PDB file of N, CA and C in Angstrom:
ATOM      1  N   UNK A   1       2.730 -15.921   1.998  1.00  0.00           N
ATOM      2  CA  UNK A   1       3.877 -16.817   2.606  1.00  0.00           C
ATOM      3  C   UNK A   1       4.633 -15.496   2.183  1.00  0.00           C
ATOM      4  N   UNK A   2       4.595 -14.543   1.235  1.00  0.00           N
ATOM      5  CA  UNK A   2       5.754 -13.327   1.098  1.00  0.00           C
ATOM      6  C   UNK A   2       5.370 -12.666   2.320  1.00  0.00           C
ATOM      7  N   UNK A   3       4.543 -12.218   3.156  1.00  0.00           N
ATOM      8  CA  UNK A   3       4.649 -11.430   4.617  1.00  0.00           C
ATOM      9  C   UNK A   3       5.195 -12.122   5.458  1.00  0.00           C
ATOM     10  N   UNK A   4       5.125 -13.722   5.382  1.00  0.00           N
ATOM     11  CA  UNK A   4       5.736 -14.235   6.704  1.00  0.00           C
ATOM     12  C   UNK A   4       7.361 -14.341   6.130  1.00  0.00           C
ATOM     13  N   UNK A   5       7.606 -14.393   4.700  1.00  0.00           N
ATOM     14  CA  UNK A   5       9.245 -14.475   4.698  1.00  0.00           C
ATOM     15  C   UNK A   5       9.810 -12.930   4.650  1.00  0.00           C
ATOM     16  N   UNK A   6       8.862 -11.870   4.652  1.00  0.00           N
ATOM     17  CA  UNK A   6       9.276 -10.604   4.604  1.00  0.00           C
ATOM     18  C   UNK A   6       9.890 -10.069   6.163  1.00  0.00           C
ATOM     19  N   UNK A   7       9.073 -10.652   6.994  1.00  0.00           N
ATOM     20  CA  UNK A   7       9.057 -10.559   8.786  1.00  0.00           C
ATOM     21  C   UNK A   7      10.537 -11.246   8.916  1.00  0.00           C
ATOM     22  N   UNK A   8      10.566 -12.436   8.154  1.00  0.00           N
ATOM     23  CA  UNK A   8      11.901 -13.237   8.460  1.00  0.00           C
ATOM     24  C   UNK A   8      12.930 -12.445   7.952  1.00  0.00           C
ATOM     25  N   UNK A   9      12.851 -11.416   7.328  1.00  0.00           N
ATOM     26  CA  UNK A   9      13.779 -10.763   6.682  1.00  0.00           C
ATOM     27  C   UNK A   9      14.164 -11.619   5.196  1.00  0.00           C
ATOM     28  N   UNK A  10      13.596 -12.438   4.679  1.00  0.00           N
ATOM     29  CA  UNK A  10      13.900 -13.303   3.728  1.00  0.00           C
ATOM     30  C   UNK A  10      12.881 -12.506   2.104  1.00  0.00           C
ATOM     31  N   UNK A  11      12.345 -11.850   2.288  1.00  0.00           N
ATOM     32  CA  UNK A  11      11.528 -11.518   0.926  1.00  0.00           C
ATOM     33  C   UNK A  11      11.868  -9.978   0.248  1.00  0.00           C
ATOM     34  N   UNK A  12      12.006  -9.759  -0.681  1.00  0.00           N
ATOM     35  CA  UNK A  12      12.292  -8.597  -1.188  1.00  0.00           C
ATOM     36  C   UNK A  12      10.865  -7.508  -1.426  1.00  0.00           C
ATOM     37  N   UNK A  13      11.286  -6.477  -1.068  1.00  0.00           N
ATOM     38  CA  UNK A  13      10.259  -5.379  -1.183  1.00  0.00           C
ATOM     39  C   UNK A  13      10.643  -4.252  -1.747  1.00  0.00           C
ATOM     40  N   UNK A  14       9.741  -3.543  -2.397  1.00  0.00           N
ATOM     41  CA  UNK A  14      10.090  -2.103  -3.303  1.00  0.00           C
ATOM     42  C   UNK A  14       9.237  -0.909  -2.174  1.00  0.00           C
ATOM     43  N   UNK A  15      10.038  -0.249  -1.946  1.00  0.00           N
ATOM     44  CA  UNK A  15       9.514   0.981  -1.314  1.00  0.00           C
ATOM     45  C   UNK A  15       8.489   1.962  -2.226  1.00  0.00           C
ATOM     46  N   UNK A  16       7.648   2.207  -1.875  1.00  0.00           N
ATOM     47  CA  UNK A  16       6.339   2.849  -2.616  1.00  0.00           C
ATOM     48  C   UNK A  16       5.932   3.820  -1.584  1.00  0.00           C
ATOM     49  N   UNK A  17       5.167   4.945  -2.029  1.00  0.00           N
ATOM     50  CA  UNK A  17       4.540   6.188  -1.456  1.00  0.00           C
ATOM     51  C   UNK A  17       3.699   5.586  -0.430  1.00  0.00           C
ATOM     52  N   UNK A  18       3.098   4.525  -0.432  1.00  0.00           N
ATOM     53  CA  UNK A  18       2.236   4.015   0.482  1.00  0.00           C
ATOM     54  C   UNK A  18       2.982   2.989   1.311  1.00  0.00           C
ATOM     55  N   UNK A  19       4.012   2.435   1.194  1.00  0.00           N
ATOM     56  CA  UNK A  19       4.877   1.468   1.803  1.00  0.00           C
ATOM     57  C   UNK A  19       5.711   0.518   1.166  1.00  0.00           C
ATOM     58  N   UNK A  20       6.107  -0.498   1.561  1.00  0.00           N
ATOM     59  CA  UNK A  20       6.501  -1.271   1.079  1.00  0.00           C
ATOM     60  C   UNK A  20       5.647  -2.598   0.466  1.00  0.00           C
ATOM     61  N   UNK A  21       6.028  -2.799  -0.947  1.00  0.00           N
ATOM     62  CA  UNK A  21       5.184  -3.926  -1.670  1.00  0.00           C
ATOM     63  C   UNK A  21       6.077  -5.095  -2.002  1.00  0.00           C
ATOM     64  N   UNK A  22       5.336  -5.915  -2.314  1.00  0.00           N
ATOM     65  CA  UNK A  22       6.188  -6.775  -2.709  1.00  0.00           C
ATOM     66  C   UNK A  22       7.226  -7.104  -4.245  1.00  0.00           C
ATOM     67  N   UNK A  23       8.166  -7.348  -4.674  1.00  0.00           N
ATOM     68  CA  UNK A  23       8.791  -7.306  -5.862  1.00  0.00           C
ATOM     69  C   UNK A  23       8.186  -8.372  -6.458  1.00  0.00           C
ATOM     70  N   UNK A  24       8.054  -8.171  -7.507  1.00  0.00           N
ATOM     71  CA  UNK A  24       7.337  -9.127  -8.527  1.00  0.00           C
ATOM     72  C   UNK A  24       7.929 -11.067  -8.296  1.00  0.00           C
ATOM     73  N   UNK A  25       9.554 -10.768  -8.786  1.00  0.00           N
ATOM     74  CA  UNK A  25       9.729 -11.952  -8.410  1.00  0.00           C
ATOM     75  C   UNK A  25      10.036 -12.470  -6.979  1.00  0.00           C
ATOM     76  N   UNK A  26       9.373 -11.626  -5.656  1.00  0.00           N
ATOM     77  CA  UNK A  26       9.219 -12.158  -4.319  1.00  0.00           C
ATOM     78  C   UNK A  26       8.241 -12.970  -4.020  1.00  0.00           C
ATOM     79  N   UNK A  27       7.167 -13.054  -5.023  1.00  0.00           N
ATOM     80  CA  UNK A  27       5.991 -13.849  -5.032  1.00  0.00           C
ATOM     81  C   UNK A  27       5.883 -15.020  -5.584  1.00  0.00           C
ATOM     82  N   UNK A  28       5.338 -16.047  -4.796  1.00  0.00           N
ATOM     83  CA  UNK A  28       5.045 -17.267  -5.539  1.00  0.00           C
ATOM     84  C   UNK A  28       4.105 -17.523  -5.938  1.00  0.00           C
ATOM     85  N   UNK A  29       4.097 -17.219  -7.248  1.00  0.00           N
ATOM     86  CA  UNK A  29       2.857 -17.531  -8.340  1.00  0.00           C
ATOM     87  C   UNK A  29       2.640 -18.857  -8.870  1.00  0.00           C
ATOM     88  N   UNK A  30       3.652 -19.883  -8.625  1.00  0.00           N
ATOM     89  CA  UNK A  30       3.351 -21.123  -9.168  1.00  0.00           C
ATOM     90  C   UNK A  30       1.660 -21.577  -9.234  1.00  0.00           C
ATOM     91  N   UNK A  31       1.169 -22.305 -10.282  1.00  0.00           N
ATOM     92  CA  UNK A  31      -0.037 -22.634 -10.403  1.00  0.00           C
ATOM     93  C   UNK A  31      -1.023 -21.725 -10.751  1.00  0.00           C
ATOM     94  N   UNK A  32      -0.461 -20.276 -10.647  1.00  0.00           N
ATOM     95  CA  UNK A  32      -1.537 -19.189 -10.986  1.00  0.00           C
ATOM     96  C   UNK A  32      -1.265 -19.356 -12.689  1.00  0.00           C
ATOM     97  N   UNK A  33      -2.647 -18.678 -13.276  1.00  0.00           N
ATOM     98  CA  UNK A  33      -2.402 -18.129 -14.516  1.00  0.00           C
ATOM     99  C   UNK A  33      -2.189 -16.800 -14.627  1.00  0.00           C
ATOM    100  N   UNK A  34      -1.060 -16.327 -14.460  1.00  0.00           N
ATOM    101  CA  UNK A  34      -1.215 -14.865 -14.384  1.00  0.00           C
ATOM    102  C   UNK A  34       0.342 -14.228 -15.010  1.00  0.00           C
ATOM    103  N   UNK A  35      -0.095 -13.771 -16.016  1.00  0.00           N
ATOM    104  CA  UNK A  35       0.951 -12.939 -16.555  1.00  0.00           C
ATOM    105  C   UNK A  35       2.023 -12.041 -15.885  1.00  0.00           C
ATOM    106  N   UNK A  36       3.116 -12.353 -16.038  1.00  0.00           N
ATOM    107  CA  UNK A  36       4.059 -11.544 -15.526  1.00  0.00           C
ATOM    108  C   UNK A  36       3.832  -9.769 -15.717  1.00  0.00           C
ATOM    109  N   UNK A  37       3.458  -9.450 -17.219  1.00  0.00           N
ATOM    110  CA  UNK A  37       3.112  -7.890 -17.207  1.00  0.00           C
ATOM    111  C   UNK A  37       1.674  -7.619 -16.355  1.00  0.00           C
ATOM    112  N   UNK A  38       0.830  -8.333 -16.068  1.00  0.00           N
ATOM    113  CA  UNK A  38      -0.210  -8.265 -15.349  1.00  0.00           C
ATOM    114  C   UNK A  38      -0.073  -8.169 -13.637  1.00  0.00           C
ATOM    115  N   UNK A  39       0.640  -9.032 -13.099  1.00  0.00           N
ATOM    116  CA  UNK A  39       1.362  -8.796 -11.996  1.00  0.00           C
ATOM    117  C   UNK A  39       2.148  -7.596 -11.805  1.00  0.00           C
ATOM    118  N   UNK A  40       3.004  -7.090 -12.639  1.00  0.00           N
ATOM    119  CA  UNK A  40       3.689  -6.032 -12.528  1.00  0.00           C
ATOM    120  C   UNK A  40       2.460  -4.767 -12.623  1.00  0.00           C
ATOM    121  N   UNK A  41       1.843  -4.739 -13.046  1.00  0.00           N
ATOM    122  CA  UNK A  41       0.761  -3.900 -13.200  1.00  0.00           C
ATOM    123  C   UNK A  41       0.072  -3.631 -11.404  1.00  0.00           C
ATOM    124  N   UNK A  42      -0.388  -4.940 -11.368  1.00  0.00           N
ATOM    125  CA  UNK A  42      -1.310  -5.327 -10.031  1.00  0.00           C
ATOM    126  C   UNK A  42      -0.266  -4.406  -8.650  1.00  0.00           C
ATOM    127  N   UNK A  43       0.925  -4.681  -9.035  1.00  0.00           N
ATOM    128  CA  UNK A  43       1.700  -4.407  -7.587  1.00  0.00           C
ATOM    129  C   UNK A  43       2.323  -3.047  -7.904  1.00  0.00           C
ATOM    130  N   UNK A  44       1.984  -2.405  -8.962  1.00  0.00           N
ATOM    131  CA  UNK A  44       2.190  -0.641  -9.386  1.00  0.00           C
ATOM    132  C   UNK A  44       1.365   0.030  -8.542  1.00  0.00           C
ATOM    133  N   UNK A  45       2.272   1.214  -7.889  1.00  0.00           N
ATOM    134  CA  UNK A  45       0.931   2.048  -6.811  1.00  0.00           C
ATOM    135  C   UNK A  45       1.081   3.359  -7.989  1.00  0.00           C
ATOM    136  N   UNK A  46      -0.062   3.755  -8.042  1.00  0.00           N
ATOM    137  CA  UNK A  46      -0.286   4.927  -9.053  1.00  0.00           C
ATOM    138  C   UNK A  46      -0.799   6.196  -7.835  1.00  0.00           C
ATOM    139  N   UNK A  47       0.296   7.222  -7.731  1.00  0.00           N
ATOM    140  CA  UNK A  47       0.121   7.924  -6.527  1.00  0.00           C
ATOM    141  C   UNK A  47      -0.858   8.899  -7.002  1.00  0.00           C
ATOM    142  N   UNK A  48      -1.025   9.238  -8.354  1.00  0.00           N
ATOM    143  CA  UNK A  48      -2.226  10.005  -8.582  1.00  0.00           C
ATOM    144  C   UNK A  48      -3.409   9.639  -8.087  1.00  0.00           C
ATOM    145  N   UNK A  49      -3.705   8.177  -8.521  1.00  0.00           N
ATOM    146  CA  UNK A  49      -4.932   7.638  -8.103  1.00  0.00           C
ATOM    147  C   UNK A  49      -5.155   7.476  -6.608  1.00  0.00           C
ATOM    148  N   UNK A  50      -3.875   7.314  -5.876  1.00  0.00           N
ATOM    149  CA  UNK A  50      -4.003   7.468  -4.274  1.00  0.00           C
ATOM    150  C   UNK A  50      -4.226   8.872  -3.629  1.00  0.00           C
ATOM    151  N   UNK A  51      -3.599   9.795  -4.587  1.00  0.00           N
ATOM    152  CA  UNK A  51      -4.335  11.192  -3.921  1.00  0.00           C
ATOM    153  C   UNK A  51      -5.384  11.692  -3.848  1.00  0.00           C
ATOM    154  N   UNK A  52      -6.155  10.810  -5.347  1.00  0.00           N
ATOM    155  CA  UNK A  52      -7.442  11.246  -5.279  1.00  0.00           C
ATOM    156  C   UNK A  52      -8.742  10.627  -4.001  1.00  0.00           C
ATOM    157  N   UNK A  53      -7.549   9.232  -3.386  1.00  0.00           N
ATOM    158  CA  UNK A  53      -8.711   8.533  -2.465  1.00  0.00           C
ATOM    159  C   UNK A  53      -8.290   9.472  -1.061  1.00  0.00           C
ATOM    160  N   UNK A  54      -7.119  10.178  -1.062  1.00  0.00           N
ATOM    161  CA  UNK A  54      -6.815  10.635   0.494  1.00  0.00           C
ATOM    162  C   UNK A  54      -8.420  11.416   1.097  1.00  0.00           C
ATOM    163  N   UNK A  55      -8.645  12.172   0.113  1.00  0.00           N
ATOM    164  CA  UNK A  55     -10.117  13.103   0.376  1.00  0.00           C
ATOM    165  C   UNK A  55     -11.448  12.225   0.886  1.00  0.00           C
ATOM    166  N   UNK A  56     -11.655  11.294   0.342  1.00  0.00           N
ATOM    167  CA  UNK A  56     -12.280  10.282   0.891  1.00  0.00           C
ATOM    168  C   UNK A  56     -12.022   9.734   2.081  1.00  0.00           C
ATOM    169  N   UNK A  57     -10.847   9.323   2.302  1.00  0.00           N
ATOM    170  CA  UNK A  57     -10.520   8.771   3.555  1.00  0.00           C
ATOM    171  C   UNK A  57     -10.396   9.600   4.724  1.00  0.00           C
ATOM    172  N   UNK A  58     -10.389  11.255   4.215  1.00  0.00           N
ATOM    173  CA  UNK A  58     -10.262  12.080   5.308  1.00  0.00           C
ATOM    174  C   UNK A  58     -12.196  12.156   5.633  1.00  0.00           C
ATOM    175  N   UNK A  59     -12.809  12.236   5.008  1.00  0.00           N
ATOM    176  CA  UNK A  59     -14.162  12.211   4.970  1.00  0.00           C
ATOM    177  C   UNK A  59     -14.930  10.885   5.689  1.00  0.00           C
ATOM    178  N   UNK A  60     -13.967  10.033   5.580  1.00  0.00           N
ATOM    179  CA  UNK A  60     -14.766   8.775   6.325  1.00  0.00           C
ATOM    180  C   UNK A  60     -14.098   8.897   7.855  1.00  0.00           C
ATOM    181  N   UNK A  61     -12.950   8.986   8.209  1.00  0.00           N
ATOM    182  CA  UNK A  61     -12.519   9.434   9.407  1.00  0.00           C
ATOM    183  C   UNK A  61     -12.841  10.707  10.100  1.00  0.00           C
ATOM    184  N   UNK A  62     -13.363  11.518   9.323  1.00  0.00           N
ATOM    185  CA  UNK A  62     -14.203  12.594  10.020  1.00  0.00           C
ATOM    186  C   UNK A  62     -15.419  12.204  10.186  1.00  0.00           C
ATOM    187  N   UNK A  63     -16.304  11.644   9.452  1.00  0.00           N
ATOM    188  CA  UNK A  63     -17.664  10.752   9.929  1.00  0.00           C
ATOM    189  C   UNK A  63     -17.443   9.900  11.386  1.00  0.00           C
ATOM    190  N   UNK A  64     -16.065   9.572  11.732  1.00  0.00           N
ATOM    191  CA  UNK A  64     -16.022   8.627  12.746  1.00  0.00           C
ATOM    192  C   UNK A  64     -15.825   9.294  13.924  1.00  0.00           C
ATOM    193  N   UNK A  65     -15.453  10.796  13.936  1.00  0.00           N
ATOM    194  CA  UNK A  65     -15.335  11.763  15.068  1.00  0.00           C
ATOM    195  C   UNK A  65     -14.229  11.006  15.710  1.00  0.00           C
ATOM    196  N   UNK A  66     -14.610  11.318  17.362  1.00  0.00           N
ATOM    197  CA  UNK A  66     -13.500  10.979  18.387  1.00  0.00           C
ATOM    198  C   UNK A  66     -13.376   9.692  18.275  1.00  0.00           C
ATOM    199  N   UNK A  67     -14.048   8.764  17.808  1.00  0.00           N
ATOM    200  CA  UNK A  67     -13.920   7.152  17.991  1.00  0.00           C
ATOM    201  C   UNK A  67     -12.753   6.615  17.027  1.00  0.00           C
ATOM    202  N   UNK A  68     -12.349   7.678  16.046  1.00  0.00           N
ATOM    203  CA  UNK A  68     -10.790   7.344  15.529  1.00  0.00           C
ATOM    204  C   UNK A  68      -9.831   7.212  16.247  1.00  0.00           C
ATOM    205  N   UNK A  69      -9.021   6.526  16.317  1.00  0.00           N
ATOM    206  CA  UNK A  69      -7.731   6.502  17.123  1.00  0.00           C
ATOM    207  C   UNK A  69      -6.781   7.511  16.468  1.00  0.00           C
ATOM    208  N   UNK A  70      -6.088   8.608  16.748  1.00  0.00           N
ATOM    209  CA  UNK A  70      -5.244   9.696  16.537  1.00  0.00           C
ATOM    210  C   UNK A  70      -4.549   9.324  15.623  1.00  0.00           C
ATOM    211  N   UNK A  71      -3.981   8.026  16.085  1.00  0.00           N
ATOM    212  CA  UNK A  71      -2.766   7.205  15.438  1.00  0.00           C
ATOM    213  C   UNK A  71      -3.117   7.389  13.578  1.00  0.00           C
ATOM    214  N   UNK A  72      -4.374   6.876  13.353  1.00  0.00           N
ATOM    215  CA  UNK A  72      -4.672   6.735  12.228  1.00  0.00           C
ATOM    216  C   UNK A  72      -5.130   8.194  11.170  1.00  0.00           C
ATOM    217  N   UNK A  73      -5.412   9.105  11.949  1.00  0.00           N
ATOM    218  CA  UNK A  73      -5.292  10.613  11.455  1.00  0.00           C
ATOM    219  C   UNK A  73      -3.543  10.833  11.356  1.00  0.00           C
ATOM    220  N   UNK A  74      -3.016  10.680  11.948  1.00  0.00           N
ATOM    221  CA  UNK A  74      -1.533  10.978  11.864  1.00  0.00           C
ATOM    222  C   UNK A  74      -1.133   9.848  10.822  1.00  0.00           C
ATOM    223  N   UNK A  75      -1.433   8.606  10.743  1.00  0.00           N
ATOM    224  CA  UNK A  75      -0.515   7.968   9.341  1.00  0.00           C
ATOM    225  C   UNK A  75      -1.452   8.469   8.230  1.00  0.00           C
ATOM    226  N   UNK A  76      -2.471   9.101   8.283  1.00  0.00           N
ATOM    227  CA  UNK A  76      -2.966   9.790   6.785  1.00  0.00           C
ATOM    228  C   UNK A  76      -2.327  11.018   6.246  1.00  0.00           C
ATOM    229  N   UNK A  77      -1.851  11.934   7.368  1.00  0.00           N
ATOM    230  CA  UNK A  77      -1.044  12.855   7.064  1.00  0.00           C
ATOM    231  C   UNK A  77       0.420  12.295   6.666  1.00  0.00           C
ATOM    232  N   UNK A  78       0.857  11.221   6.990  1.00  0.00           N
ATOM    233  CA  UNK A  78       2.088  10.905   6.649  1.00  0.00           C
ATOM    234  C   UNK A  78       1.902  10.378   5.069  1.00  0.00           C
ATOM    235  N   UNK A  79       0.685   9.819   4.957  1.00  0.00           N
ATOM    236  CA  UNK A  79       0.605   9.128   3.567  1.00  0.00           C
ATOM    237  C   UNK A  79       0.507  10.523   2.541  1.00  0.00           C
ATOM    238  N   UNK A  80      -0.180  11.620   2.935  1.00  0.00           N
ATOM    239  CA  UNK A  80      -0.420  12.589   2.107  1.00  0.00           C
ATOM    240  C   UNK A  80       1.177  13.268   1.712  1.00  0.00           C
ATOM    241  N   UNK A  81       1.905  13.571   2.602  1.00  0.00           N
ATOM    242  CA  UNK A  81       3.137  13.725   2.534  1.00  0.00           C
ATOM    243  C   UNK A  81       3.977  12.919   1.830  1.00  0.00           C
ATOM    244  N   UNK A  82       3.929  11.568   1.696  1.00  0.00           N
ATOM    245  CA  UNK A  82       4.510  10.723   0.994  1.00  0.00           C
ATOM    246  C   UNK A  82       4.085  10.781  -0.648  1.00  0.00           C
ATOM    247  N   UNK A  83       2.619  11.003  -0.636  1.00  0.00           N
ATOM    248  CA  UNK A  83       2.264  11.251  -1.938  1.00  0.00           C
ATOM    249  C   UNK A  83       2.329  12.369  -2.574  1.00  0.00           C
ATOM    250  N   UNK A  84       2.980  13.419  -1.758  1.00  0.00           N
ATOM    251  CA  UNK A  84       3.371  14.880  -2.322  1.00  0.00           C
ATOM    252  C   UNK A  84       2.194  15.641  -2.479  1.00  0.00           C
ATOM    253  N   UNK A  85       0.951  15.329  -1.585  1.00  0.00           N
ATOM    254  CA  UNK A  85      -0.190  16.667  -1.392  1.00  0.00           C
ATOM    255  C   UNK A  85       0.649  17.788  -0.521  1.00  0.00           C
TER     256      UNK A  85
END
Protein backbone atom coordinates (compact mmCIF):
# COMPACT_ATOMS: atom_id res chain seq x y z
CA UNK A 1 0.00 0.00 0.00
CA UNK A 2 2.79 2.45 0.88
CA UNK A 3 4.41 2.08 -2.54
CA UNK A 4 1.14 2.79 -4.34
CA UNK A 5 0.42 5.80 -2.14
CA UNK A 6 4.00 6.98 -2.68
CA UNK A 7 3.52 6.87 -6.46
CA UNK A 8 0.41 9.02 -6.01
CA UNK A 9 2.42 11.42 -3.82
CA UNK A 10 0.32 10.66 -0.74
CA UNK A 11 2.82 8.78 1.45
CA UNK A 12 5.70 10.15 3.48
CA UNK A 13 9.24 8.94 2.81
CA UNK A 14 12.56 9.57 4.50
CA UNK A 15 15.71 10.19 2.48
CA UNK A 16 18.53 7.79 3.36
CA UNK A 17 21.87 6.90 1.74
CA UNK A 18 20.16 3.94 0.03
CA UNK A 19 17.18 5.94 -1.19
CA UNK A 20 13.78 6.74 0.23
CA UNK A 21 12.24 4.51 2.88
CA UNK A 22 8.81 4.72 4.48
CA UNK A 23 8.32 6.81 7.57
CA UNK A 24 7.11 4.54 10.37
CA UNK A 25 3.76 6.31 10.57
CA UNK A 26 3.29 6.03 6.79
CA UNK A 27 2.93 2.26 6.96
CA UNK A 28 -0.37 0.55 7.70
CA UNK A 29 0.54 -1.85 10.47
CA UNK A 30 -3.01 -2.50 11.65
CA UNK A 31 -3.47 -6.14 12.54
CA UNK A 32 0.25 -6.69 13.02
CA UNK A 33 1.72 -7.43 16.41
CA UNK A 34 4.61 -5.06 15.79
CA UNK A 35 6.12 -2.92 18.51
CA UNK A 36 6.83 0.63 17.29
CA UNK A 37 10.46 0.39 18.43
CA UNK A 38 10.90 -2.78 16.37
CA UNK A 39 9.38 -1.07 13.33
CA UNK A 40 11.73 1.88 13.79
CA UNK A 41 14.68 -0.51 13.93
CA UNK A 42 13.51 -2.31 10.78
CA UNK A 43 13.37 0.99 8.90
CA UNK A 44 16.77 2.19 10.10
CA UNK A 45 19.51 2.32 7.48
CA UNK A 46 22.90 1.40 8.94
CA UNK A 47 25.41 3.00 6.57
CA UNK A 48 28.31 1.08 8.11
CA UNK A 49 26.66 -2.25 7.35
CA UNK A 50 25.70 -1.14 3.85
CA UNK A 51 29.31 -0.07 3.21
CA UNK A 52 30.40 -3.56 4.25
CA UNK A 53 28.05 -5.04 1.61
CA UNK A 54 29.37 -2.95 -1.30
CA UNK A 55 32.48 -5.11 -1.94
CA UNK A 56 30.27 -8.21 -2.00
CA UNK A 57 27.96 -6.56 -4.51
CA UNK A 58 30.92 -5.50 -6.64
CA UNK A 59 32.34 -9.05 -6.57
CA UNK A 60 28.98 -10.45 -7.67
CA UNK A 61 28.68 -7.83 -10.40
CA UNK A 62 32.20 -8.67 -11.60
CA UNK A 63 31.25 -12.34 -11.82
CA UNK A 64 28.52 -11.40 -14.32
CA UNK A 65 30.96 -9.67 -16.63
CA UNK A 66 29.45 -8.08 -19.72
CA UNK A 67 26.03 -9.59 -18.97
CA UNK A 68 25.53 -6.96 -16.27
CA UNK A 69 23.92 -3.76 -17.55
CA UNK A 70 26.21 -0.74 -17.22
CA UNK A 71 23.42 1.09 -15.40
CA UNK A 72 23.69 -1.30 -12.46
CA UNK A 73 27.42 -0.63 -12.10
CA UNK A 74 26.65 3.09 -12.31
CA UNK A 75 24.05 2.77 -9.55
CA UNK A 76 26.54 0.90 -7.36
CA UNK A 77 28.98 3.80 -7.77
CA UNK A 78 26.22 6.24 -6.82
CA UNK A 79 25.38 4.13 -3.77
CA UNK A 80 29.04 4.11 -2.70
CA UNK A 81 29.18 7.87 -2.98
CA UNK A 82 26.01 8.31 -0.91
CA UNK A 83 27.36 5.93 1.73
CA UNK A 84 30.55 7.96 1.96
CA UNK A 85 32.94 5.38 0.54
